[in-house]
Protein backbone atom coordinates (compact mmCIF):
# COMPACT_ATOMS: atom_id res chain seq x y z
CA MET A 1 -213.96 24.37 -87.12
CA ALA A 2 -211.81 22.55 -89.55
CA LYS A 3 -213.14 20.58 -92.50
CA ASN A 4 -213.14 17.26 -90.63
CA GLY A 5 -215.29 18.62 -87.82
CA ARG A 6 -212.60 18.97 -85.15
CA LYS A 7 -211.67 22.18 -83.46
CA THR A 8 -208.14 23.36 -84.00
CA LYS A 9 -206.13 24.80 -81.15
CA ASN A 10 -204.24 27.97 -81.59
CA LYS A 11 -200.64 27.46 -80.64
CA LYS A 12 -199.42 30.22 -78.46
CA ASN A 13 -195.88 31.43 -78.34
CA GLY A 14 -195.81 30.62 -74.62
CA ASN A 15 -195.25 26.93 -75.29
CA ASN A 16 -191.82 27.63 -76.70
CA GLY A 17 -190.89 29.64 -73.58
CA SER A 18 -190.01 26.51 -71.62
CA LYS A 19 -187.34 25.72 -74.18
CA SER A 20 -185.78 29.16 -74.21
CA LEU A 21 -182.15 29.67 -73.33
CA GLY A 22 -182.99 31.87 -70.34
CA ASN A 23 -185.25 29.26 -68.76
CA ASN A 24 -182.72 26.51 -69.36
CA LEU A 25 -179.96 28.59 -67.77
CA TYR A 26 -182.21 29.33 -64.80
CA LYS A 27 -182.92 25.62 -64.29
CA LEU A 28 -179.21 24.87 -64.47
CA ALA A 29 -178.33 27.66 -62.02
CA LYS A 30 -181.11 26.70 -59.63
CA ASN A 31 -180.18 23.02 -59.58
CA ALA A 32 -176.39 23.43 -59.51
CA SER A 33 -175.95 26.44 -57.21
CA GLY A 34 -176.50 24.62 -53.93
CA TYR A 35 -174.20 21.73 -54.80
CA LEU A 36 -171.52 24.06 -56.12
CA ALA A 37 -171.67 26.22 -52.99
CA PHE A 38 -171.48 23.12 -50.76
CA PHE A 39 -168.52 21.57 -52.59
CA SER A 40 -166.65 24.83 -53.01
CA GLN A 41 -167.00 25.85 -49.36
CA LEU A 42 -166.15 22.38 -48.07
CA THR A 43 -163.01 21.93 -50.18
CA ALA A 44 -161.67 25.47 -50.68
CA LYS A 45 -159.05 25.37 -47.92
CA ASP A 46 -157.87 21.88 -48.87
CA TYR A 47 -157.55 22.83 -52.52
CA SER A 48 -155.61 25.98 -51.69
CA ASP A 49 -153.02 23.71 -50.06
CA LEU A 50 -153.08 21.23 -52.96
CA ASN A 51 -152.73 23.88 -55.63
CA ALA A 52 -149.63 25.21 -53.87
CA THR A 53 -147.81 22.02 -54.85
CA SER A 54 -146.71 21.91 -58.47
CA SER A 55 -146.90 18.12 -58.73
CA TYR A 56 -150.66 18.06 -57.99
CA LYS A 57 -151.38 20.03 -61.14
CA ASN A 58 -149.72 17.29 -63.22
CA GLU A 59 -151.80 14.43 -61.78
CA ASP A 60 -154.31 12.61 -63.96
CA MET A 61 -158.05 13.13 -63.60
CA ALA A 62 -158.64 9.80 -61.83
CA THR A 63 -156.21 10.72 -59.04
CA LYS A 64 -157.79 14.17 -58.70
CA LEU A 65 -161.25 12.57 -58.39
CA LYS A 66 -159.92 10.20 -55.70
CA ILE A 67 -158.50 13.16 -53.80
CA ALA A 68 -161.78 15.11 -54.13
CA SER A 69 -163.83 12.17 -52.86
CA ASN A 70 -161.42 11.66 -49.95
CA ILE A 71 -161.71 15.34 -49.03
CA VAL A 72 -165.52 15.30 -49.07
CA THR A 73 -165.98 11.97 -47.29
CA GLY A 74 -163.20 12.77 -44.83
CA ARG A 75 -164.72 16.11 -43.83
CA LEU A 76 -168.26 14.69 -43.59
CA THR A 77 -167.63 11.26 -42.03
CA GLY A 78 -163.94 10.83 -41.24
CA LEU A 79 -163.83 7.81 -43.58
CA HIS A 80 -161.77 7.65 -46.76
CA ALA A 81 -162.62 5.58 -49.81
CA PHE A 82 -159.13 5.62 -51.32
CA LYS A 83 -155.74 4.97 -49.75
CA GLY A 84 -152.40 5.38 -51.45
CA ASP A 85 -149.06 7.07 -51.70
CA ASN A 86 -149.86 9.78 -54.23
CA LEU A 87 -153.07 11.17 -52.68
CA TYR A 88 -151.31 14.16 -51.07
CA GLY A 89 -152.55 13.40 -47.58
CA SER A 90 -156.22 13.34 -48.56
CA ASP A 91 -156.55 9.91 -46.98
CA GLU A 92 -155.77 11.49 -43.59
CA ILE A 93 -158.31 14.35 -43.64
CA PRO A 94 -160.28 14.31 -40.39
CA PHE A 95 -163.98 14.76 -39.69
CA THR A 96 -164.58 18.42 -38.86
CA ILE A 97 -167.42 20.53 -37.53
CA ASN A 98 -167.03 24.29 -37.66
CA PRO A 99 -170.15 26.30 -36.74
CA GLY A 100 -168.25 29.50 -37.45
CA GLY A 101 -167.80 28.39 -41.06
CA MET A 102 -171.52 28.70 -41.69
CA VAL A 103 -171.04 32.43 -42.18
CA ASN A 104 -169.30 32.60 -45.54
CA LYS A 105 -169.58 34.19 -48.97
CA PHE A 106 -172.20 31.72 -50.19
CA THR A 107 -174.53 32.18 -47.23
CA GLY A 108 -174.15 35.94 -47.63
CA LEU A 109 -175.06 35.76 -51.31
CA GLY A 110 -177.91 33.38 -50.54
CA LEU A 111 -179.30 35.64 -47.84
CA ALA A 112 -179.07 38.61 -50.20
CA GLY A 113 -180.98 36.64 -52.85
CA VAL A 114 -183.70 35.61 -50.41
CA LEU A 115 -184.06 39.18 -49.16
CA TYR A 116 -184.20 40.41 -52.76
CA GLY A 117 -187.06 38.01 -53.44
CA LYS A 118 -188.90 39.00 -50.26
CA SER A 119 -188.57 42.73 -50.85
CA GLY A 120 -191.78 44.66 -51.25
CA VAL A 121 -190.63 46.58 -54.31
CA LYS A 122 -192.73 45.37 -57.23
CA LEU A 123 -190.51 46.75 -59.98
CA LEU A 124 -187.57 44.44 -59.26
CA PRO A 125 -187.13 41.83 -62.01
CA GLN A 126 -187.03 38.05 -61.54
CA LYS A 127 -187.69 38.11 -57.81
CA GLN A 128 -188.86 34.50 -57.51
CA LYS A 129 -185.96 33.14 -59.56
CA VAL A 130 -183.36 35.06 -57.60
CA GLN A 131 -184.97 33.95 -54.34
CA ALA A 132 -184.91 30.27 -55.40
CA ILE A 133 -181.22 30.42 -56.35
CA GLY A 134 -180.46 32.36 -53.17
CA LYS A 135 -182.17 29.72 -51.05
CA ASN A 136 -180.04 26.99 -52.62
CA LEU A 137 -176.87 29.03 -52.09
CA LEU A 138 -177.83 29.67 -48.47
CA ILE A 139 -178.44 25.99 -47.73
CA GLY A 140 -175.44 24.63 -49.68
CA GLY A 141 -173.03 27.22 -48.31
CA GLY A 142 -174.30 26.73 -44.76
CA ILE A 143 -173.92 22.96 -44.81
CA GLY A 144 -170.54 23.15 -46.55
CA GLY A 145 -169.36 25.72 -44.01
CA LEU A 146 -170.49 23.57 -41.10
CA PHE A 147 -168.06 20.81 -42.12
CA ASP A 148 -165.38 23.20 -43.36
CA PRO A 149 -161.98 23.05 -41.60
CA PRO A 150 -161.51 25.98 -39.19
CA MET A 151 -158.15 27.15 -40.56
CA ASN A 152 -155.98 26.56 -43.58
CA SER A 153 -153.30 24.08 -42.50
CA ASN A 154 -150.50 25.95 -44.27
CA SER A 155 -151.62 29.47 -43.50
CA GLN A 156 -149.77 31.75 -41.14
CA SER A 157 -152.99 32.67 -39.34
CA LYS A 158 -153.04 29.25 -37.63
CA THR A 159 -149.72 29.92 -35.92
CA MET A 160 -150.05 33.67 -35.77
CA ALA A 161 -150.30 33.84 -31.98
CA SER A 162 -147.02 31.97 -31.52
CA SER A 163 -145.18 33.34 -34.52
CA PRO A 164 -141.86 35.00 -33.65
CA LYS A 165 -142.67 37.90 -35.97
CA VAL A 166 -145.92 38.65 -34.18
CA LEU A 167 -144.40 38.26 -30.73
CA GLY A 168 -141.55 40.54 -31.79
CA VAL A 169 -144.03 43.22 -32.83
CA VAL A 170 -145.92 42.90 -29.54
CA GLN A 171 -142.69 43.26 -27.58
CA GLN A 172 -141.68 46.29 -29.64
CA ASN A 173 -145.05 47.90 -28.97
CA ARG A 174 -144.70 47.29 -25.25
CA MET A 175 -141.22 48.79 -25.22
CA ALA A 176 -142.43 51.84 -27.14
CA THR A 177 -145.29 52.46 -24.72
CA MET A 178 -142.98 52.06 -21.75
CA GLN A 179 -140.52 54.60 -23.21
CA THR A 180 -143.18 57.22 -23.88
CA GLY A 181 -144.04 57.33 -20.21
CA MET A 182 -147.67 56.51 -20.72
CA PHE A 183 -147.40 53.28 -18.79
CA SER A 184 -144.05 53.81 -17.16
CA GLU A 185 -143.63 53.78 -13.42
CA SER A 186 -143.87 57.23 -11.96
CA GLY A 187 -145.09 59.00 -8.88
CA ASP A 188 -148.60 58.82 -10.28
CA SER A 189 -151.05 57.41 -7.74
CA THR A 190 -152.95 55.50 -10.42
CA GLY A 191 -149.78 53.71 -11.52
CA GLY A 192 -150.40 54.34 -15.19
CA SER A 193 -153.71 52.49 -15.22
CA PHE A 194 -156.97 53.85 -16.46
């Protein structure tokens, strides 16, 4: 007891643990990871097209925020908050649903984090923290992938089936197999089929 008759509490070092850098970084990562995964997955293909234009990089921050909000609201609802000439087509982005987009790098990382946290190995460090961040990545990446556009609008993979280069390769392969005799017409009763 102290001189005035009150009991004094011993301060433990554990009280300062909530203010440590590691705990603050964990809180930041836990709270931001889901939103970052959602926004990154939803806008990655649109931004790859925008960053290909040199004039977009020179736009001011207000215009870039307008474009970002048009991309997000356009993909989620089909509505656009901002209209204008210098928005690089972001005011025409359609509403999209892409169930195949739910399998992406963020859902893979999130699933790995959840499985890490659920593992039965007791020696693994920070299992609960990794599992919480993984859960947020899984949810944010899954929702962002659901509304993600199926293909990049400027990529060659969208027109790959009708591309002259691809069709030329297919025709060359057919000609090569016909010349080798594997599928050429012969006196074979099977006609070159399997």
